[in-house]
Amino acid sequence: MKKPVGLLLTISIIAISFAAIFVKWSEAPATVISMYRMFLACVLLLPVIVVKRREFMKLTKKDWLFLFISGVFLALHFALWFESLKLTTVASSTIILTLQPIIALIGGFLVFKERTNIFALLTIGVSMVGVVMVGWGDFGLNSKSMIIGDILSFLSVIAVVGYLLIGQNNVKKISHWIYSFSVFFFAGITLTVYNLFAGTPIVGYDTREWGIFLLLAIFPTMAHVIYNYLLNYINTTTVSMSILGEPIGATILAVILLGERVMALQIIGGAVVLSGVFLFLMQQRKVTTEELSKLE
């Protein structure tokens, strides 16, 4: 039976595009939204975790340490990104998020000395030019807070790359379910500690806010589950390409549901960023294919 890959990818893109909208709708602090998203995602994963609970026995003290550090980076990512969405437009914030594979390449070079080529460097340059254009478009909206939001979004990308680089080489002996649950839990704990020390209220939110917290846990988690399922039928690069759909979907939703304005320069800059990331991913796919052919 033919798998509805295109339909599932579309559903996952729409689901993850709603994340930014939910954050915009919420009046709770960014660190509180992030905290409850992590804990509620853990609750959603519990049925699978109960089945795979014996895998926890495989973890060493070193594995637990890396899981904890990954959780701290993930907490930092969500706190920074959600705060970014409070300050700038959905379009600007999500466009900057698409730099993740490029920042990951830079991180891989700095941490693991992974080699790259001149074409990849050129695509990085193109994407960075696009980011500057997006930021300059925010200047056109005469808001310093939007520029701060853009910076926070960029910092959130660095944080999530740190999270991914740690997971890439240190916790491969367990399933992604156990890994995700553990990291989400540690991220939630980290955010709880921060909120308590910062004096941020973590209780007293109304039903509407709790509904948003739950939706934030369900929709992005659903998207990631679909992505994991699709990896059985399509390659990682194809799944990675779908991140280019998130800023487009999120921006359209923001214009319709939030009435956000999008400057012409931001549209052009966003197109430049997406083009750079697209070319980068295509180049990485080519490099991977060549490396696999040499091993055969």
Protein backbone atom coordinates (compact mmCIF):
# COMPACT_ATOMS: atom_id res chain seq x y z
CA MET A 1 0.00 0.00 0.00
CA LYS A 2 1.39 3.38 -1.01
CA LYS A 3 2.17 5.64 1.94
CA PRO A 4 0.64 9.18 1.86
CA VAL A 5 4.05 10.83 2.36
CA GLY A 6 3.04 14.17 0.83
CA LEU A 7 -0.11 14.40 2.94
CA LEU A 8 1.74 13.52 6.15
CA LEU A 9 4.47 16.07 5.44
CA THR A 10 1.81 18.73 4.83
CA ILE A 11 0.05 17.87 8.09
CA SER A 12 3.33 18.04 10.03
CA ILE A 13 4.26 21.41 8.52
CA ILE A 14 0.84 22.87 9.39
CA ALA A 15 1.02 21.40 12.91
CA ILE A 16 4.46 22.82 13.67
CA SER A 17 3.56 26.17 12.05
CA PHE A 18 0.84 26.65 14.66
CA ALA A 19 3.43 26.60 17.50
CA ALA A 20 4.37 30.25 16.93
CA ILE A 21 0.70 31.26 16.79
CA PHE A 22 -0.04 29.58 20.12
CA VAL A 23 2.88 31.38 21.77
CA LYS A 24 1.58 34.69 20.42
CA TRP A 25 -1.88 33.94 21.81
CA SER A 26 -0.54 33.20 25.28
CA GLU A 27 -0.11 35.95 27.86
CA ALA A 28 2.08 33.80 30.12
CA PRO A 29 5.85 34.43 30.42
CA ALA A 30 7.98 32.65 27.81
CA THR A 31 9.75 30.48 30.41
CA VAL A 32 6.40 29.32 31.84
CA ILE A 33 5.03 28.45 28.39
CA SER A 34 8.25 26.52 27.66
CA MET A 35 8.14 24.71 31.01
CA TYR A 36 4.58 23.44 30.62
CA ARG A 37 5.13 22.51 26.99
CA MET A 38 7.99 20.24 28.08
CA PHE A 39 6.12 18.61 30.97
CA LEU A 40 2.92 18.09 28.96
CA ALA A 41 4.94 16.60 26.09
CA CYS A 42 6.38 14.14 28.65
CA VAL A 43 2.84 13.19 29.67
CA LEU A 44 1.92 12.56 26.02
CA LEU A 45 4.96 10.30 25.61
CA LEU A 46 4.25 8.27 28.78
CA PRO A 47 2.38 5.37 27.08
CA VAL A 48 5.38 4.68 24.82
CA ILE A 49 7.84 5.19 27.68
CA VAL A 50 6.04 2.60 29.83
CA VAL A 51 6.50 0.04 27.05
CA LYS A 52 10.18 0.92 26.57
CA ARG A 53 11.01 1.56 30.23
CA ARG A 54 13.66 -1.17 30.38
CA GLU A 55 15.85 0.87 28.06
CA PHE A 56 16.51 3.25 30.95
CA MET A 57 18.64 0.47 32.46
CA LYS A 58 21.11 0.82 29.57
CA LEU A 59 21.99 4.38 30.53
CA THR A 60 25.27 5.07 32.31
CA LYS A 61 26.04 8.01 34.60
CA LYS A 62 27.78 9.66 31.63
CA ASP A 63 24.66 9.19 29.50
CA TRP A 64 22.50 10.80 32.20
CA LEU A 65 24.92 13.72 32.40
CA PHE A 66 24.69 14.33 28.66
CA LEU A 67 20.90 13.98 28.76
CA PHE A 68 20.79 16.62 31.48
CA ILE A 69 23.06 18.99 29.52
CA SER A 70 20.94 18.42 26.40
CA GLY A 71 17.86 19.28 28.44
CA VAL A 72 19.45 22.53 29.62
CA PHE A 73 20.22 23.52 26.02
CA LEU A 74 16.69 22.61 24.91
CA ALA A 75 15.21 24.66 27.75
CA LEU A 76 17.37 27.59 26.68
CA HIS A 77 16.22 27.17 23.08
CA PHE A 78 12.51 27.28 23.89
CA ALA A 79 12.84 30.09 26.44
CA LEU A 80 14.76 32.25 23.94
CA TRP A 81 12.50 31.44 20.97
CA PHE A 82 9.24 31.95 22.84
CA GLU A 83 10.52 35.26 24.19
CA SER A 84 11.56 36.17 20.63
CA LEU A 85 7.97 35.60 19.49
CA LYS A 86 6.78 37.97 22.21
CA LEU A 87 8.99 40.73 20.79
CA THR A 88 9.12 40.34 17.02
CA THR A 89 6.91 39.08 14.20
CA VAL A 90 6.24 35.42 13.52
CA ALA A 91 7.74 35.88 10.04
CA SER A 92 11.09 37.20 11.31
CA SER A 93 11.42 34.76 14.19
CA THR A 94 10.61 31.60 12.21
CA ILE A 95 12.70 32.61 9.18
CA ILE A 96 15.76 32.89 11.43
CA LEU A 97 15.01 29.42 12.86
CA THR A 98 15.58 27.87 9.44
CA LEU A 99 19.29 28.64 9.86
CA GLN A 100 19.51 25.58 12.11
CA PRO A 101 21.19 23.20 9.60
CA ILE A 102 23.71 25.88 8.68
CA ILE A 103 24.56 26.70 12.30
CA ALA A 104 24.79 22.93 12.88
CA LEU A 105 27.43 22.74 10.14
CA ILE A 106 29.44 25.50 11.79
CA GLY A 107 29.03 23.80 15.18
CA GLY A 108 30.11 20.46 13.72
CA PHE A 109 33.25 22.09 12.32
CA LEU A 110 34.12 23.84 15.59
CA VAL A 111 33.35 20.88 17.89
CA PHE A 112 34.04 17.80 15.79
CA LYS A 113 36.29 19.29 13.07
CA GLU A 114 33.85 18.13 10.39
CA ARG A 115 34.97 19.25 6.95
CA THR A 116 32.97 21.43 4.60
CA ASN A 117 33.41 22.95 1.12
CA ILE A 118 33.32 26.33 -0.56
CA PHE A 119 29.76 25.86 -1.85
CA ALA A 120 28.45 25.29 1.68
CA LEU A 121 30.26 28.42 2.82
CA LEU A 122 28.66 30.40 -0.01
CA THR A 123 25.18 29.21 0.98
CA ILE A 124 25.93 30.25 4.57
CA GLY A 125 26.88 33.71 3.29
CA VAL A 126 23.69 33.97 1.22
CA SER A 127 21.52 32.97 4.19
CA MET A 128 23.22 35.45 6.51
CA VAL A 129 22.58 38.25 4.00
CA GLY A 130 18.91 37.26 4.07
CA VAL A 131 18.85 37.40 7.88
CA VAL A 132 20.32 40.91 7.79
CA MET A 133 17.59 41.92 5.33
CA VAL A 134 14.90 40.49 7.65
CA GLY A 135 16.39 42.42 10.56
CA TRP A 136 16.61 45.59 8.50
CA GLY A 137 12.93 45.13 7.65
CA ASP A 138 12.21 45.15 11.39
CA PHE A 139 14.10 48.44 11.62
CA GLY A 140 11.60 49.67 9.05
CA LEU A 141 8.82 48.91 11.52
CA ASN A 142 10.52 51.30 13.96
CA SER A 143 10.72 48.88 16.86
CA LYS A 144 13.89 48.16 18.86
CA SER A 145 12.11 45.29 20.59
CA MET A 146 11.74 43.53 17.23
CA ILE A 147 15.51 43.63 16.69
CA ILE A 148 16.00 42.16 20.16
CA GLY A 149 13.46 39.49 19.19
CA ASP A 150 15.45 38.68 16.05
CA ILE A 151 18.65 38.36 18.12
CA LEU A 152 16.91 36.06 20.63
CA SER A 153 15.66 33.87 17.78
CA PHE A 154 19.22 33.56 16.45
CA LEU A 155 20.50 32.69 19.93
CA SER A 156 17.76 30.07 20.23
CA VAL A 157 19.11 28.45 17.05
CA ILE A 158 22.58 28.24 18.61
CA ALA A 159 21.03 26.67 21.73
CA VAL A 160 19.11 24.01 19.78
CA VAL A 161 22.21 23.17 17.75
CA GLY A 162 24.08 22.65 21.03
CA TYR A 163 21.27 20.30 22.07
CA LEU A 164 21.51 18.36 18.80
CA LEU A 165 25.32 18.14 18.78
CA ILE A 166 25.31 16.60 22.25
CA GLY A 167 22.68 14.05 21.27
CA GLN A 168 24.42 13.27 17.97
CA ASN A 169 27.41 11.51 19.47
CA ASN A 170 26.63 10.67 23.06
CA VAL A 171 23.26 8.93 23.42
CA LYS A 172 22.87 6.54 20.50
CA LYS A 173 22.24 3.35 22.44
CA ILE A 174 18.59 4.14 23.26
CA SER A 175 15.49 4.85 21.20
CA HIS A 176 14.56 8.40 20.28
CA TRP A 177 11.46 7.99 22.48
CA ILE A 178 13.51 7.51 25.64
CA TYR A 179 15.91 10.23 24.56
CA SER A 180 13.12 12.72 23.84
CA PHE A 181 11.27 11.99 27.08
CA SER A 182 14.43 12.33 29.19
CA VAL A 183 15.53 15.57 27.54
CA PHE A 184 12.04 17.08 27.71
CA PHE A 185 11.86 16.20 31.41
CA PHE A 186 15.25 17.74 32.21
CA ALA A 187 14.33 20.81 30.16
CA GLY A 188 11.13 21.16 32.18
CA ILE A 189 13.06 20.82 35.45
CA THR A 190 15.59 23.43 34.32
CA LEU A 191 12.84 25.90 33.44
CA THR A 192 11.06 25.21 36.74
CA VAL A 193 14.21 26.01 38.71
CA TYR A 194 14.75 29.18 36.67
CA ASN A 195 11.15 30.33 37.19
CA LEU A 196 11.33 29.72 40.94
CA PHE A 197 14.59 31.64 41.31
CA ALA A 198 13.38 34.44 39.04
CA GLY A 199 10.13 34.72 40.98
CA THR A 200 8.07 33.99 37.86
CA PRO A 201 4.56 32.74 38.79
CA ILE A 202 4.16 29.11 37.72
CA VAL A 203 0.56 28.68 38.95
CA GLY A 204 -2.64 30.67 38.75
CA TYR A 205 -3.12 30.50 34.97
CA ASP A 206 -6.65 30.29 33.62
CA THR A 207 -8.26 27.59 31.49
CA ARG A 208 -7.44 29.45 28.27
CA GLU A 209 -3.72 29.47 29.07
CA TRP A 210 -3.76 25.78 30.00
CA GLY A 211 -5.46 25.08 26.69
CA ILE A 212 -2.64 26.88 24.89
CA PHE A 213 0.00 24.98 26.91
CA LEU A 214 -1.65 21.69 25.91
CA LEU A 215 -1.95 22.67 22.24
CA LEU A 216 1.75 23.60 22.23
CA ALA A 217 2.58 20.16 23.55
CA ILE A 218 0.26 18.31 21.14
CA PHE A 219 0.86 19.97 17.77
CA PRO A 220 4.69 20.13 17.64
CA THR A 221 4.92 16.68 19.28
CA MET A 222 2.55 15.31 16.63
CA ALA A 223 4.74 16.82 13.92
CA HIS A 224 7.88 15.19 15.34
CA VAL A 225 6.12 11.82 15.61
CA ILE A 226 5.13 12.10 11.93
CA TYR A 227 8.71 13.02 11.00
CA ASN A 228 10.04 9.98 12.88
CA TYR A 229 7.51 7.76 11.11
CA LEU A 230 8.38 9.17 7.67
CA LEU A 231 12.07 8.42 8.17
CA ASN A 232 11.10 4.79 7.47
CA TYR A 233 10.11 5.76 3.92
CA ILE A 234 12.04 8.91 2.94
CA ASN A 235 15.54 10.17 3.67
CA THR A 236 16.61 12.62 6.36
CA THR A 237 17.34 15.37 3.83
CA THR A 238 13.77 15.28 2.53
CA VAL A 239 12.45 15.59 6.07
CA SER A 240 14.92 18.41 6.72
CA MET A 241 13.63 20.23 3.66
CA SER A 242 10.24 20.47 5.34
CA ILE A 243 11.62 23.00 7.85
CA LEU A 244 11.52 25.46 4.97
CA GLY A 245 7.74 25.17 5.03
CA GLU A 246 7.39 26.24 8.67
CA PRO A 247 8.14 29.98 8.28
CA ILE A 248 5.90 30.15 5.21
CA GLY A 249 3.02 28.40 6.97
CA ALA A 250 3.54 30.32 10.23
CA THR A 251 3.69 33.68 8.42
CA ILE A 252 0.48 33.00 6.51
CA LEU A 253 -1.24 31.99 9.76
CA ALA A 254 0.11 35.08 11.52
CA VAL A 255 -1.25 37.39 8.83
CA ILE A 256 -4.68 35.69 8.92
CA LEU A 257 -5.04 35.02 12.66
CA LEU A 258 -2.92 37.78 14.22
CA GLY A 259 -3.15 40.52 11.61
CA GLU A 260 0.63 40.88 11.51
CA ARG A 261 2.24 43.12 8.91
CA VAL A 262 5.05 41.82 6.72
CA MET A 263 7.43 44.35 5.14
CA ALA A 264 8.53 43.89 1.52
CA LEU A 265 12.18 43.76 2.66
CA GLN A 266 11.31 40.97 5.10
CA ILE A 267 9.66 38.98 2.31
CA ILE A 268 12.72 39.39 0.08
CA GLY A 269 15.08 38.62 2.96
CA GLY A 270 13.04 35.56 3.90
CA ALA A 271 13.20 34.31 0.31
CA VAL A 272 17.00 34.79 0.35
CA VAL A 273 17.32 32.85 3.62
CA LEU A 274 15.13 30.00 2.38
CA SER A 275 17.04 29.86 -0.91
CA GLY A 276 20.36 29.68 0.93
CA VAL A 277 19.17 26.93 3.27
CA PHE A 278 17.58 25.03 0.37
CA LEU A 279 20.83 25.11 -1.63
CA PHE A 280 22.76 24.11 1.48
CA LEU A 281 20.54 21.07 2.12
CA MET A 282 20.76 20.02 -1.53
CA GLN A 283 24.55 20.24 -1.36
CA GLN A 284 24.61 18.18 1.85
CA ARG A 285 22.42 15.57 0.17
CA LYS A 286 24.85 15.39 -2.74
CA VAL A 287 27.85 15.04 -0.40
CA THR A 288 26.11 12.27 1.57
CA THR A 289 25.24 10.40 -1.61
CA GLU A 290 28.84 10.59 -2.83
CA GLU A 291 30.19 9.35 0.50
CA LEU A 292 27.79 6.39 0.51
CA SER A 293 28.74 5.45 -3.06
CA LYS A 294 32.42 5.33 -2.03
CA LEU A 295 31.59 2.87 0.75
CA GLU A 296 29.81 0.47 -1.61
